[in-house]
Amino acid sequence: MHMMPILWIVWAGIATILVALLMYRSTLLSNEEDQIHLDANAEHAQQEQDLMFARARRLNPYVYLTTAITCLMGAGILSYYIWDAIRHLS
């Protein structure tokens, strides 16, 4: 079996994971408030915001890693097709 269909399937799987991570992060941050006016009794709202940002920060390394892998694999697949086209044209 040729290797390119396997690379495409792996790339699509990693890209799907990336999209899922980005969607999850956007749902986490969708309740973010730009400004919170807190009084002494509203400490609970501040704790919720801190927890939301902590979850998003924990997710960032995975987003960066899957983005890098997706881009590198995409560049590798594209360069293979360019190399193959040049090889067949000459």
PDB file of N, CA and C in Angstrom:
ATOM      1  N   MET A   1       0.854  -1.184   0.000  1.00  0.00           N
ATOM      2  CA  MET A   1       0.000   0.000   0.000  1.00  0.00           C
ATOM      3  C   MET A   1       0.893   1.238   0.000  1.00  0.00           C
ATOM      4  N   HIS A   2       0.454   2.223  -0.746  1.00  0.00           N
ATOM      5  CA  HIS A   2       1.196   3.472  -0.838  1.00  0.00           C
ATOM      6  C   HIS A   2       1.090   4.240   0.485  1.00  0.00           C
ATOM      7  N   MET A   3       2.091   5.021   0.819  1.00  0.00           N
ATOM      8  CA  MET A   3       2.157   5.691   2.108  1.00  0.00           C
ATOM      9  C   MET A   3       1.299   6.956   2.189  1.00  0.00           C
ATOM     10  N   MET A   4       0.986   7.586   1.074  1.00  0.00           N
ATOM     11  CA  MET A   4       0.274   8.867   1.114  1.00  0.00           C
ATOM     12  C   MET A   4      -1.136   8.772   1.715  1.00  0.00           C
ATOM     13  N   PRO A   5      -1.941   7.769   1.408  1.00  0.00           N
ATOM     14  CA  PRO A   5      -3.253   7.709   2.072  1.00  0.00           C
ATOM     15  C   PRO A   5      -3.150   7.584   3.592  1.00  0.00           C
ATOM     16  N   ILE A   6      -2.135   6.875   4.062  1.00  0.00           N
ATOM     17  CA  ILE A   6      -1.944   6.751   5.508  1.00  0.00           C
ATOM     18  C   ILE A   6      -1.572   8.099   6.106  1.00  0.00           C
ATOM     19  N   LEU A   7      -0.682   8.835   5.428  1.00  0.00           N
ATOM     20  CA  LEU A   7      -0.314  10.177   5.913  1.00  0.00           C
ATOM     21  C   LEU A   7      -1.517  11.113   5.928  1.00  0.00           C
ATOM     22  N   TRP A   8      -2.358  11.050   4.902  1.00  0.00           N
ATOM     23  CA  TRP A   8      -3.556  11.882   4.865  1.00  0.00           C
ATOM     24  C   TRP A   8      -4.502  11.538   6.015  1.00  0.00           C
ATOM     25  N   ILE A   9      -4.650  10.254   6.320  1.00  0.00           N
ATOM     26  CA  ILE A   9      -5.536   9.843   7.415  1.00  0.00           C
ATOM     27  C   ILE A   9      -4.989  10.319   8.755  1.00  0.00           C
ATOM     28  N   VAL A  10      -3.692  10.179   8.960  1.00  0.00           N
ATOM     29  CA  VAL A  10      -3.074  10.648  10.205  1.00  0.00           C
ATOM     30  C   VAL A  10      -3.202  12.167  10.315  1.00  0.00           C
ATOM     31  N   TRP A  11      -2.942  12.867   9.215  1.00  0.00           N
ATOM     32  CA  TRP A  11      -3.074  14.330   9.216  1.00  0.00           C
ATOM     33  C   TRP A  11      -4.503  14.745   9.542  1.00  0.00           C
ATOM     34  N   ALA A  12      -5.477  14.079   8.940  1.00  0.00           N
ATOM     35  CA  ALA A  12      -6.885  14.412   9.195  1.00  0.00           C
ATOM     36  C   ALA A  12      -7.257  14.141  10.647  1.00  0.00           C
ATOM     37  N   GLY A  13      -6.733  13.072  11.222  1.00  0.00           N
ATOM     38  CA  GLY A  13      -7.007  12.788  12.630  1.00  0.00           C
ATOM     39  C   GLY A  13      -6.440  13.849  13.554  1.00  0.00           C
ATOM     40  N   ILE A  14      -5.206  14.256  13.295  1.00  0.00           N
ATOM     41  CA  ILE A  14      -4.589  15.295  14.136  1.00  0.00           C
ATOM     42  C   ILE A  14      -5.284  16.633  13.931  1.00  0.00           C
ATOM     43  N   ALA A  15      -5.678  16.938  12.703  1.00  0.00           N
ATOM     44  CA  ALA A  15      -6.401  18.184  12.447  1.00  0.00           C
ATOM     45  C   ALA A  15      -7.768  18.172  13.143  1.00  0.00           C
ATOM     46  N   THR A  16      -8.408  17.019  13.202  1.00  0.00           N
ATOM     47  CA  THR A  16      -9.687  16.904  13.910  1.00  0.00           C
ATOM     48  C   THR A  16      -9.504  17.130  15.404  1.00  0.00           C
ATOM     49  N   ILE A  17      -8.433  16.589  15.957  1.00  0.00           N
ATOM     50  CA  ILE A  17      -8.128  16.824  17.371  1.00  0.00           C
ATOM     51  C   ILE A  17      -7.871  18.302  17.613  1.00  0.00           C
ATOM     52  N   LEU A  18      -7.151  18.956  16.692  1.00  0.00           N
ATOM     53  CA  LEU A  18      -6.883  20.390  16.821  1.00  0.00           C
ATOM     54  C   LEU A  18      -8.178  21.198  16.807  1.00  0.00           C
ATOM     55  N   VAL A  19      -9.068  20.884  15.896  1.00  0.00           N
ATOM     56  CA  VAL A  19     -10.346  21.607  15.823  1.00  0.00           C
ATOM     57  C   VAL A  19     -11.156  21.390  17.102  1.00  0.00           C
ATOM     58  N   ALA A  20     -11.157  20.163  17.625  1.00  0.00           N
ATOM     59  CA  ALA A  20     -11.879  19.888  18.867  1.00  0.00           C
ATOM     60  C   ALA A  20     -11.290  20.671  20.035  1.00  0.00           C
ATOM     61  N   LEU A  21      -9.955  20.741  20.117  1.00  0.00           N
ATOM     62  CA  LEU A  21      -9.318  21.519  21.181  1.00  0.00           C
ATOM     63  C   LEU A  21      -9.641  22.999  21.071  1.00  0.00           C
ATOM     64  N   LEU A  22      -9.621  23.520  19.851  1.00  0.00           N
ATOM     65  CA  LEU A  22      -9.945  24.941  19.659  1.00  0.00           C
ATOM     66  C   LEU A  22     -11.403  25.236  20.008  1.00  0.00           C
ATOM     67  N   MET A  23     -12.292  24.323  19.655  1.00  0.00           N
ATOM     68  CA  MET A  23     -13.704  24.514  20.000  1.00  0.00           C
ATOM     69  C   MET A  23     -13.911  24.453  21.512  1.00  0.00           C
ATOM     70  N   TYR A  24     -13.234  23.518  22.171  1.00  0.00           N
ATOM     71  CA  TYR A  24     -13.358  23.409  23.627  1.00  0.00           C
ATOM     72  C   TYR A  24     -12.819  24.658  24.308  1.00  0.00           C
ATOM     73  N   ARG A  25     -11.668  25.166  23.831  1.00  0.00           N
ATOM     74  CA  ARG A  25     -11.098  26.374  24.421  1.00  0.00           C
ATOM     75  C   ARG A  25     -12.009  27.574  24.208  1.00  0.00           C
ATOM     76  N   SER A  26     -12.636  27.652  23.038  1.00  0.00           N
ATOM     77  CA  SER A  26     -13.532  28.784  22.790  1.00  0.00           C
ATOM     78  C   SER A  26     -14.790  28.699  23.649  1.00  0.00           C
ATOM     79  N   THR A  27     -15.269  27.483  23.941  1.00  0.00           N
ATOM     80  CA  THR A  27     -16.418  27.380  24.832  1.00  0.00           C
ATOM     81  C   THR A  27     -16.041  27.717  26.267  1.00  0.00           C
ATOM     82  N   LEU A  28     -14.799  27.387  26.649  1.00  0.00           N
ATOM     83  CA  LEU A  28     -14.341  27.769  27.988  1.00  0.00           C
ATOM     84  C   LEU A  28     -14.297  29.278  28.142  1.00  0.00           C
ATOM     85  N   LEU A  29     -13.803  29.946  27.108  1.00  0.00           N
ATOM     86  CA  LEU A  29     -13.606  31.392  27.201  1.00  0.00           C
ATOM     87  C   LEU A  29     -14.812  32.189  26.730  1.00  0.00           C
ATOM     88  N   SER A  30     -15.894  31.521  26.352  1.00  0.00           N
ATOM     89  CA  SER A  30     -17.058  32.261  25.860  1.00  0.00           C
ATOM     90  C   SER A  30     -17.765  33.017  26.983  1.00  0.00           C
ATOM     91  N   ASN A  31     -17.602  32.565  28.218  1.00  0.00           N
ATOM     92  CA  ASN A  31     -18.231  33.248  29.353  1.00  0.00           C
ATOM     93  C   ASN A  31     -17.314  34.271  30.003  1.00  0.00           C
ATOM     94  N   GLU A  32     -16.205  34.555  29.339  1.00  0.00           N
ATOM     95  CA  GLU A  32     -15.231  35.504  29.886  1.00  0.00           C
ATOM     96  C   GLU A  32     -15.820  36.910  29.908  1.00  0.00           C
ATOM     97  N   GLU A  33     -15.528  37.598  30.944  1.00  0.00           N
ATOM     98  CA  GLU A  33     -15.948  38.984  31.081  1.00  0.00           C
ATOM     99  C   GLU A  33     -14.727  39.872  30.872  1.00  0.00           C
ATOM    100  N   ASP A  34     -14.905  40.956  30.109  1.00  0.00           N
ATOM    101  CA  ASP A  34     -13.791  41.873  29.902  1.00  0.00           C
ATOM    102  C   ASP A  34     -13.457  42.633  31.170  1.00  0.00           C
ATOM    103  N   GLN A  35     -14.506  43.036  31.869  1.00  0.00           N
ATOM    104  CA  GLN A  35     -14.312  43.748  33.130  1.00  0.00           C
ATOM    105  C   GLN A  35     -15.258  43.176  34.164  1.00  0.00           C
ATOM    106  N   ILE A  36     -14.746  42.986  35.333  1.00  0.00           N
ATOM    107  CA  ILE A  36     -15.575  42.538  36.443  1.00  0.00           C
ATOM    108  C   ILE A  36     -15.444  43.581  37.538  1.00  0.00           C
ATOM    109  N   HIS A  37     -16.574  44.110  37.926  1.00  0.00           N
ATOM    110  CA  HIS A  37     -16.594  45.074  39.026  1.00  0.00           C
ATOM    111  C   HIS A  37     -16.994  44.308  40.279  1.00  0.00           C
ATOM    112  N   LEU A  38     -16.022  44.085  41.116  1.00  0.00           N
ATOM    113  CA  LEU A  38     -16.238  43.254  42.290  1.00  0.00           C
ATOM    114  C   LEU A  38     -16.306  44.091  43.548  1.00  0.00           C
ATOM    115  N   ASP A  39     -17.220  43.689  44.394  1.00  0.00           N
ATOM    116  CA  ASP A  39     -17.227  44.264  45.732  1.00  0.00           C
ATOM    117  C   ASP A  39     -16.709  43.189  46.685  1.00  0.00           C
ATOM    118  N   ALA A  40     -16.790  43.429  47.940  1.00  0.00           N
ATOM    119  CA  ALA A  40     -16.221  42.495  48.908  1.00  0.00           C
ATOM    120  C   ALA A  40     -16.953  41.154  48.920  1.00  0.00           C
ATOM    121  N   ASN A  41     -18.224  41.143  48.543  1.00  0.00           N
ATOM    122  CA  ASN A  41     -19.011  39.904  48.591  1.00  0.00           C
ATOM    123  C   ASN A  41     -18.977  39.125  47.285  1.00  0.00           C
ATOM    124  N   ALA A  42     -18.353  39.623  46.243  1.00  0.00           N
ATOM    125  CA  ALA A  42     -18.388  38.984  44.927  1.00  0.00           C
ATOM    126  C   ALA A  42     -17.110  38.214  44.616  1.00  0.00           C
ATOM    127  N   GLU A  43     -16.527  37.632  45.608  1.00  0.00           N
ATOM    128  CA  GLU A  43     -15.289  36.886  45.405  1.00  0.00           C
ATOM    129  C   GLU A  43     -15.535  35.618  44.586  1.00  0.00           C
ATOM    130  N   HIS A  44     -16.739  35.096  44.619  1.00  0.00           N
ATOM    131  CA  HIS A  44     -17.084  33.880  43.876  1.00  0.00           C
ATOM    132  C   HIS A  44     -16.933  34.098  42.365  1.00  0.00           C
ATOM    133  N   ALA A  45     -17.335  35.247  41.856  1.00  0.00           N
ATOM    134  CA  ALA A  45     -17.206  35.539  40.428  1.00  0.00           C
ATOM    135  C   ALA A  45     -15.740  35.598  40.009  1.00  0.00           C
ATOM    136  N   GLN A  46     -14.912  36.153  40.848  1.00  0.00           N
ATOM    137  CA  GLN A  46     -13.476  36.211  40.559  1.00  0.00           C
ATOM    138  C   GLN A  46     -12.876  34.806  40.528  1.00  0.00           C
ATOM    139  N   GLN A  47     -13.297  33.948  41.433  1.00  0.00           N
ATOM    140  CA  GLN A  47     -12.792  32.574  41.461  1.00  0.00           C
ATOM    141  C   GLN A  47     -13.215  31.815  40.202  1.00  0.00           C
ATOM    142  N   GLU A  48     -14.432  32.041  39.730  1.00  0.00           N
ATOM    143  CA  GLU A  48     -14.897  31.398  38.499  1.00  0.00           C
ATOM    144  C   GLU A  48     -14.052  31.839  37.302  1.00  0.00           C
ATOM    145  N   GLN A  49     -13.767  33.132  37.220  1.00  0.00           N
ATOM    146  CA  GLN A  49     -12.941  33.643  36.126  1.00  0.00           C
ATOM    147  C   GLN A  49     -11.526  33.058  36.192  1.00  0.00           C
ATOM    148  N   ASP A  50     -10.958  32.990  37.380  1.00  0.00           N
ATOM    149  CA  ASP A  50      -9.608  32.429  37.539  1.00  0.00           C
ATOM    150  C   ASP A  50      -9.569  30.957  37.150  1.00  0.00           C
ATOM    151  N   LEU A  51     -10.599  30.203  37.525  1.00  0.00           N
ATOM    152  CA  LEU A  51     -10.668  28.792  37.169  1.00  0.00           C
ATOM    153  C   LEU A  51     -10.790  28.609  35.658  1.00  0.00           C
ATOM    154  N   MET A  52     -11.586  29.461  35.024  1.00  0.00           N
ATOM    155  CA  MET A  52     -11.772  29.390  33.576  1.00  0.00           C
ATOM    156  C   MET A  52     -10.451  29.676  32.854  1.00  0.00           C
ATOM    157  N   PHE A  53      -9.731  30.687  33.283  1.00  0.00           N
ATOM    158  CA  PHE A  53      -8.445  31.013  32.661  1.00  0.00           C
ATOM    159  C   PHE A  53      -7.403  29.935  32.938  1.00  0.00           C
ATOM    160  N   ALA A  54      -7.440  29.319  34.099  1.00  0.00           N
ATOM    161  CA  ALA A  54      -6.495  28.247  34.416  1.00  0.00           C
ATOM    162  C   ALA A  54      -6.729  27.050  33.497  1.00  0.00           C
ATOM    163  N   ARG A  55      -7.977  26.705  33.241  1.00  0.00           N
ATOM    164  CA  ARG A  55      -8.273  25.602  32.320  1.00  0.00           C
ATOM    165  C   ARG A  55      -7.796  25.925  30.909  1.00  0.00           C
ATOM    166  N   ALA A  56      -8.004  27.158  30.477  1.00  0.00           N
ATOM    167  CA  ALA A  56      -7.573  27.552  29.133  1.00  0.00           C
ATOM    168  C   ALA A  56      -6.052  27.541  29.027  1.00  0.00           C
ATOM    169  N   ARG A  57      -5.352  27.965  30.071  1.00  0.00           N
ATOM    170  CA  ARG A  57      -3.885  27.945  30.061  1.00  0.00           C
ATOM    171  C   ARG A  57      -3.345  26.520  30.033  1.00  0.00           C
ATOM    172  N   ARG A  58      -4.011  25.594  30.726  1.00  0.00           N
ATOM    173  CA  ARG A  58      -3.577  24.200  30.690  1.00  0.00           C
ATOM    174  C   ARG A  58      -3.765  23.586  29.315  1.00  0.00           C
ATOM    175  N   LEU A  59      -4.717  24.106  28.554  1.00  0.00           N
ATOM    176  CA  LEU A  59      -5.013  23.581  27.230  1.00  0.00           C
ATOM    177  C   LEU A  59      -4.044  24.110  26.172  1.00  0.00           C
ATOM    178  N   ASN A  60      -3.442  25.263  26.402  1.00  0.00           N
ATOM    179  CA  ASN A  60      -2.593  25.907  25.399  1.00  0.00           C
ATOM    180  C   ASN A  60      -1.431  25.044  24.889  1.00  0.00           C
ATOM    181  N   PRO A  61      -0.673  24.344  25.726  1.00  0.00           N
ATOM    182  CA  PRO A  61       0.422  23.533  25.169  1.00  0.00           C
ATOM    183  C   PRO A  61      -0.070  22.464  24.184  1.00  0.00           C
ATOM    184  N   TYR A  62      -1.226  21.871  24.463  1.00  0.00           N
ATOM    185  CA  TYR A  62      -1.772  20.867  23.556  1.00  0.00           C
ATOM    186  C   TYR A  62      -2.221  21.491  22.238  1.00  0.00           C
ATOM    187  N   VAL A  63      -2.774  22.688  22.309  1.00  0.00           N
ATOM    188  CA  VAL A  63      -3.173  23.395  21.090  1.00  0.00           C
ATOM    189  C   VAL A  63      -1.935  23.731  20.258  1.00  0.00           C
ATOM    190  N   TYR A  64      -0.895  24.236  20.901  1.00  0.00           N
ATOM    191  CA  TYR A  64       0.322  24.576  20.180  1.00  0.00           C
ATOM    192  C   TYR A  64       0.967  23.342  19.552  1.00  0.00           C
ATOM    193  N   LEU A  65       1.008  22.237  20.300  1.00  0.00           N
ATOM    194  CA  LEU A  65       1.613  21.013  19.795  1.00  0.00           C
ATOM    195  C   LEU A  65       0.846  20.461  18.593  1.00  0.00           C
ATOM    196  N   THR A  66      -0.465  20.370  18.696  1.00  0.00           N
ATOM    197  CA  THR A  66      -1.243  19.840  17.576  1.00  0.00           C
ATOM    198  C   THR A  66      -1.208  20.779  16.379  1.00  0.00           C
ATOM    199  N   THR A  67      -1.139  22.075  16.614  1.00  0.00           N
ATOM    200  CA  THR A  67      -1.003  23.022  15.511  1.00  0.00           C
ATOM    201  C   THR A  67       0.322  22.815  14.787  1.00  0.00           C
ATOM    202  N   ALA A  68       1.396  22.664  15.553  1.00  0.00           N
ATOM    203  CA  ALA A  68       2.719  22.458  14.949  1.00  0.00           C
ATOM    204  C   ALA A  68       2.767  21.154  14.161  1.00  0.00           C
ATOM    205  N   ILE A  69       2.225  20.086  14.736  1.00  0.00           N
ATOM    206  CA  ILE A  69       2.245  18.795  14.040  1.00  0.00           C
ATOM    207  C   ILE A  69       1.411  18.861  12.763  1.00  0.00           C
ATOM    208  N   THR A  70       0.241  19.493  12.844  1.00  0.00           N
ATOM    209  CA  THR A  70      -0.612  19.610  11.665  1.00  0.00           C
ATOM    210  C   THR A  70       0.073  20.410  10.567  1.00  0.00           C
ATOM    211  N   CYS A  71       0.706  21.505  10.940  1.00  0.00           N
ATOM    212  CA  CYS A  71       1.395  22.334   9.942  1.00  0.00           C
ATOM    213  C   CYS A  71       2.591  21.611   9.337  1.00  0.00           C
ATOM    214  N   LEU A  72       3.382  20.952  10.168  1.00  0.00           N
ATOM    215  CA  LEU A  72       4.545  20.230   9.652  1.00  0.00           C
ATOM    216  C   LEU A  72       4.145  19.074   8.735  1.00  0.00           C
ATOM    217  N   MET A  73       3.114  18.339   9.128  1.00  0.00           N
ATOM    218  CA  MET A  73       2.660  17.246   8.269  1.00  0.00           C
ATOM    219  C   MET A  73       2.070  17.781   6.974  1.00  0.00           C
ATOM    220  N   GLY A  74       1.333  18.881   7.055  1.00  0.00           N
ATOM    221  CA  GLY A  74       0.778  19.489   5.844  1.00  0.00           C
ATOM    222  C   GLY A  74       1.871  19.964   4.910  1.00  0.00           C
ATOM    223  N   ALA A  75       2.903  20.580   5.478  1.00  0.00           N
ATOM    224  CA  ALA A  75       4.036  21.023   4.647  1.00  0.00           C
ATOM    225  C   ALA A  75       4.771  19.835   4.040  1.00  0.00           C
ATOM    226  N   GLY A  76       4.897  18.767   4.801  1.00  0.00           N
ATOM    227  CA  GLY A  76       5.548  17.570   4.277  1.00  0.00           C
ATOM    228  C   GLY A  76       4.762  16.931   3.146  1.00  0.00           C
ATOM    229  N   ILE A  77       3.463  16.853   3.296  1.00  0.00           N
ATOM    230  CA  ILE A  77       2.607  16.288   2.245  1.00  0.00           C
ATOM    231  C   ILE A  77       2.654  17.161   1.001  1.00  0.00           C
ATOM    232  N   LEU A  78       2.571  18.466   1.198  1.00  0.00           N
ATOM    233  CA  LEU A  78       2.632  19.392   0.060  1.00  0.00           C
ATOM    234  C   LEU A  78       3.980  19.305  -0.652  1.00  0.00           C
ATOM    235  N   SER A  79       5.059  19.244   0.110  1.00  0.00           N
ATOM    236  CA  SER A  79       6.377  19.156  -0.523  1.00  0.00           C
ATOM    237  C   SER A  79       6.541  17.832  -1.278  1.00  0.00           C
ATOM    238  N   TYR A  80       5.949  16.767  -0.774  1.00  0.00           N
ATOM    239  CA  TYR A  80       6.005  15.499  -1.503  1.00  0.00           C
ATOM    240  C   TYR A  80       5.301  15.629  -2.850  1.00  0.00           C
ATOM    241  N   TYR A  81       4.114  16.250  -2.864  1.00  0.00           N
ATOM    242  CA  TYR A  81       3.394  16.409  -4.120  1.00  0.00           C
ATOM    243  C   TYR A  81       4.140  17.325  -5.090  1.00  0.00           C
ATOM    244  N   ILE A  82       4.776  18.366  -4.587  1.00  0.00           N
ATOM    245  CA  ILE A  82       5.564  19.251  -5.448  1.00  0.00           C
ATOM    246  C   ILE A  82       6.769  18.493  -6.011  1.00  0.00           C
ATOM    247  N   TRP A  83       7.460  17.737  -5.159  1.00  0.00           N
ATOM    248  CA  TRP A  83       8.599  16.943  -5.614  1.00  0.00           C
ATOM    249  C   TRP A  83       8.169  15.909  -6.654  1.00  0.00           C
ATOM    250  N   ASP A  84       7.027  15.272  -6.435  1.00  0.00           N
ATOM    251  CA  ASP A  84       6.534  14.277  -7.364  1.00  0.00           C
ATOM    252  C   ASP A  84       6.157  14.916  -8.713  1.00  0.00           C
ATOM    253  N   ALA A  85       5.559  16.110  -8.675  1.00  0.00           N
ATOM    254  CA  ALA A  85       5.198  16.795  -9.909  1.00  0.00           C
ATOM    255  C   ALA A  85       6.444  17.212 -10.687  1.00  0.00           C
ATOM    256  N   ILE A  86       7.450  17.715  -9.993  1.00  0.00           N
ATOM    257  CA  ILE A  86       8.696  18.110 -10.669  1.00  0.00           C
ATOM    258  C   ILE A  86       9.391  16.890 -11.256  1.00  0.00           C
ATOM    259  N   ARG A  87       9.361  15.789 -10.527  1.00  0.00           N
ATOM    260  CA  ARG A  87      10.000  14.578 -11.002  1.00  0.00           C
ATOM    261  C   ARG A  87       9.313  14.045 -12.273  1.00  0.00           C
ATOM    262  N   HIS A  88       7.979  14.150 -12.334  1.00  0.00           N
ATOM    263  CA  HIS A  88       7.251  13.659 -13.498  1.00  0.00           C
ATOM    264  C   HIS A  88       7.332  14.610 -14.680  1.00  0.00           C
ATOM    265  N   LEU A  89       7.557  15.891 -14.431  1.00  0.00           N
ATOM    266  CA  LEU A  89       7.630  16.860 -15.517  1.00  0.00           C
ATOM    267  C   LEU A  89       8.991  16.855 -16.207  1.00  0.00           C
ATOM    268  N   SER A  90      10.021  16.447 -15.502  1.00  0.00           N
ATOM    269  CA  SER A  90      11.342  16.477 -16.121  1.00  0.00           C
ATOM    270  C   SER A  90      11.724  15.166 -16.768  1.00  0.00           C
TER     271      SER A  90
END
